[in-house]
Amino acid sequence: MVGDAAKGEAVFAKCKACHTIDQGGANGIGPNLFGVHGEAVAGDRGGYAFSDALKGKGGTWDDATLDAWLKNPKAFAAGTKMTFAGITDDQQRADVIAYLKSKK
């Protein structure tokens, strides 16, 4: 599914309560997400303390991994600190992923 970064930016508004996405942005309740696409899951995000559940996942934040995470964070990494329920709409997830990919 092809995502639209502009639409993803609008959907990402749900994420802004916990995440920043600007280059050099501070971590908040969640890590800053600038440049996260293509990086290691639970990799260095400026000293952010990831849950053991997410640290144990391994892999890379690619399209498929981000899609699974955004769909249902608790199913992706049982015991995650992230309390967000997820984005059930496939197109909205694709749009958010396109937006994340645009922030490099």
C-alpha atoms as a PDB file:
ATOM      1  CA  MET A   1       0.000   0.000   0.000  1.00  0.00           C
ATOM      2  CA  VAL A   2       1.343   3.411  -0.952  1.00  0.00           C
ATOM      3  CA  GLY A   3       1.248   6.082   1.726  1.00  0.00           C
ATOM      4  CA  ASP A   4       0.853   9.834   1.417  1.00  0.00           C
ATOM      5  CA  ALA A   5       3.291  11.752   3.639  1.00  0.00           C
ATOM      6  CA  ALA A   6       1.061  14.849   3.805  1.00  0.00           C
ATOM      7  CA  LYS A   7      -1.863  12.782   5.044  1.00  0.00           C
ATOM      8  CA  GLY A   8       0.515  10.958   7.383  1.00  0.00           C
ATOM      9  CA  GLU A   9       1.553  14.262   8.928  1.00  0.00           C
ATOM     10  CA  ALA A  10      -2.092  14.894   9.819  1.00  0.00           C
ATOM     11  CA  VAL A  11      -2.475  11.415  11.327  1.00  0.00           C
ATOM     12  CA  PHE A  12       0.822  11.891  13.214  1.00  0.00           C
ATOM     13  CA  ALA A  13      -0.920  14.629  15.206  1.00  0.00           C
ATOM     14  CA  LYS A  14      -2.144  11.741  17.412  1.00  0.00           C
ATOM     15  CA  CYS A  15       1.487  10.926  18.198  1.00  0.00           C
ATOM     16  CA  LYS A  16       2.622  14.434  19.138  1.00  0.00           C
ATOM     17  CA  ALA A  17       1.452  14.119  22.724  1.00  0.00           C
ATOM     18  CA  CYS A  18       4.415  11.787  23.301  1.00  0.00           C
ATOM     19  CA  HIS A  19       6.783  12.134  20.315  1.00  0.00           C
ATOM     20  CA  THR A  20       8.683  14.878  18.531  1.00  0.00           C
ATOM     21  CA  ILE A  21       9.822  14.377  14.940  1.00  0.00           C
ATOM     22  CA  ASP A  22      12.028  17.365  14.155  1.00  0.00           C
ATOM     23  CA  GLN A  23      15.750  16.918  13.644  1.00  0.00           C
ATOM     24  CA  GLY A  24      17.441  17.429  16.995  1.00  0.00           C
ATOM     25  CA  GLY A  25      14.105  17.350  18.806  1.00  0.00           C
ATOM     26  CA  ALA A  26      14.019  16.236  22.403  1.00  0.00           C
ATOM     27  CA  ASN A  27      12.703  12.925  23.612  1.00  0.00           C
ATOM     28  CA  GLY A  28       9.465  13.199  25.505  1.00  0.00           C
ATOM     29  CA  ILE A  29       7.336  10.456  26.976  1.00  0.00           C
ATOM     30  CA  GLY A  30       8.374   8.628  23.799  1.00  0.00           C
ATOM     31  CA  PRO A  31      11.537   9.018  21.733  1.00  0.00           C
ATOM     32  CA  ASN A  32      12.124  11.636  19.055  1.00  0.00           C
ATOM     33  CA  LEU A  33      11.290   9.916  15.757  1.00  0.00           C
ATOM     34  CA  PHE A  34      13.353  11.953  13.275  1.00  0.00           C
ATOM     35  CA  GLY A  35      15.176   9.497  11.000  1.00  0.00           C
ATOM     36  CA  VAL A  36      13.752   6.405  12.706  1.00  0.00           C
ATOM     37  CA  HIS A  37      12.892   4.599   9.442  1.00  0.00           C
ATOM     38  CA  GLY A  38      15.758   2.252   8.623  1.00  0.00           C
ATOM     39  CA  GLU A  39      17.253   2.313  12.127  1.00  0.00           C
ATOM     40  CA  ALA A  40      17.439  -0.546  14.624  1.00  0.00           C
ATOM     41  CA  VAL A  41      14.365  -1.247  16.730  1.00  0.00           C
ATOM     42  CA  ALA A  42      15.070   0.253  20.170  1.00  0.00           C
ATOM     43  CA  GLY A  43      18.320   1.712  18.824  1.00  0.00           C
ATOM     44  CA  ASP A  44      19.967   4.807  20.233  1.00  0.00           C
ATOM     45  CA  ARG A  45      17.450   7.636  20.275  1.00  0.00           C
ATOM     46  CA  GLY A  46      19.429  10.166  22.263  1.00  0.00           C
ATOM     47  CA  GLY A  47      19.471   8.184  25.475  1.00  0.00           C
ATOM     48  CA  TYR A  48      15.782   7.240  25.456  1.00  0.00           C
ATOM     49  CA  ALA A  49      15.140   4.291  27.815  1.00  0.00           C
ATOM     50  CA  PHE A  50      13.219   1.684  25.806  1.00  0.00           C
ATOM     51  CA  SER A  51      11.311  -1.123  27.507  1.00  0.00           C
ATOM     52  CA  ASP A  52      12.963  -4.527  27.711  1.00  0.00           C
ATOM     53  CA  ALA A  53      10.091  -5.838  25.575  1.00  0.00           C
ATOM     54  CA  LEU A  54      11.012  -3.551  22.688  1.00  0.00           C
ATOM     55  CA  LYS A  55      14.751  -4.031  23.187  1.00  0.00           C
ATOM     56  CA  GLY A  56      14.208  -7.776  22.806  1.00  0.00           C
ATOM     57  CA  LYS A  57      12.527  -7.475  19.409  1.00  0.00           C
ATOM     58  CA  GLY A  58      15.615  -6.827  17.300  1.00  0.00           C
ATOM     59  CA  GLY A  59      15.359  -5.959  13.626  1.00  0.00           C
ATOM     60  CA  THR A  60      15.011  -2.670  11.822  1.00  0.00           C
ATOM     61  CA  TRP A  61      12.236  -0.107  11.601  1.00  0.00           C
ATOM     62  CA  ASP A  62      11.336  -0.878   7.995  1.00  0.00           C
ATOM     63  CA  ASP A  63       7.884  -0.559   6.432  1.00  0.00           C
ATOM     64  CA  ALA A  64       6.673  -3.977   7.623  1.00  0.00           C
ATOM     65  CA  THR A  65       7.986  -3.576  11.164  1.00  0.00           C
ATOM     66  CA  LEU A  66       6.561  -0.072  11.519  1.00  0.00           C
ATOM     67  CA  ASP A  67       3.234  -1.302  10.145  1.00  0.00           C
ATOM     68  CA  ALA A  68       3.039  -4.095  12.735  1.00  0.00           C
ATOM     69  CA  TRP A  69       4.075  -1.727  15.543  1.00  0.00           C
ATOM     70  CA  LEU A  70       1.642   1.014  14.563  1.00  0.00           C
ATOM     71  CA  LYS A  71      -1.217  -1.447  14.140  1.00  0.00           C
ATOM     72  CA  ASN A  72      -0.944  -2.792  17.685  1.00  0.00           C
ATOM     73  CA  PRO A  73       2.094  -1.884  19.806  1.00  0.00           C
ATOM     74  CA  LYS A  74       1.149  -4.249  22.654  1.00  0.00           C
ATOM     75  CA  ALA A  75       0.828  -7.227  20.284  1.00  0.00           C
ATOM     76  CA  PHE A  76       4.134  -6.313  18.602  1.00  0.00           C
ATOM     77  CA  ALA A  77       6.048  -6.111  21.900  1.00  0.00           C
ATOM     78  CA  ALA A  78       4.111  -7.432  24.882  1.00  0.00           C
ATOM     79  CA  GLY A  79       5.191  -5.365  27.874  1.00  0.00           C
ATOM     80  CA  THR A  80       5.974  -2.212  25.888  1.00  0.00           C
ATOM     81  CA  LYS A  81       5.774   1.111  27.715  1.00  0.00           C
ATOM     82  CA  MET A  82       3.793   2.582  24.819  1.00  0.00           C
ATOM     83  CA  THR A  83       0.176   2.950  25.861  1.00  0.00           C
ATOM     84  CA  PHE A  84      -1.156   3.991  22.425  1.00  0.00           C
ATOM     85  CA  ALA A  85      -3.751   1.462  21.231  1.00  0.00           C
ATOM     86  CA  GLY A  86      -2.633   1.573  17.603  1.00  0.00           C
ATOM     87  CA  ILE A  87      -3.910   2.666  14.206  1.00  0.00           C
ATOM     88  CA  THR A  88      -6.371   0.127  12.827  1.00  0.00           C
ATOM     89  CA  ASP A  89      -6.814   1.768   9.412  1.00  0.00           C
ATOM     90  CA  ASP A  90      -4.330   0.298   6.894  1.00  0.00           C
ATOM     91  CA  GLN A  91      -4.171   3.464   4.794  1.00  0.00           C
ATOM     92  CA  GLN A  92      -3.557   5.699   7.798  1.00  0.00           C
ATOM     93  CA  ARG A  93      -0.672   3.462   8.881  1.00  0.00           C
ATOM     94  CA  ALA A  94       0.787   3.607   5.356  1.00  0.00           C
ATOM     95  CA  ASP A  95       0.439   7.401   5.427  1.00  0.00           C
ATOM     96  CA  VAL A  96       2.210   7.688   8.798  1.00  0.00           C
ATOM     97  CA  ILE A  97       5.018   5.442   7.563  1.00  0.00           C
ATOM     98  CA  ALA A  98       5.406   7.648   4.459  1.00  0.00           C
ATOM     99  CA  TYR A  99       5.593  10.677   6.758  1.00  0.00           C
ATOM    100  CA  LEU A 100       8.203   9.030   8.994  1.00  0.00           C
ATOM    101  CA  LYS A 101      10.248   8.133   5.894  1.00  0.00           C
ATOM    102  CA  SER A 102      10.115  11.766   4.757  1.00  0.00           C
ATOM    103  CA  LYS A 103      11.738  12.909   8.010  1.00  0.00           C
ATOM    104  CA  LYS A 104      15.399  12.086   7.325  1.00  0.00           C
END
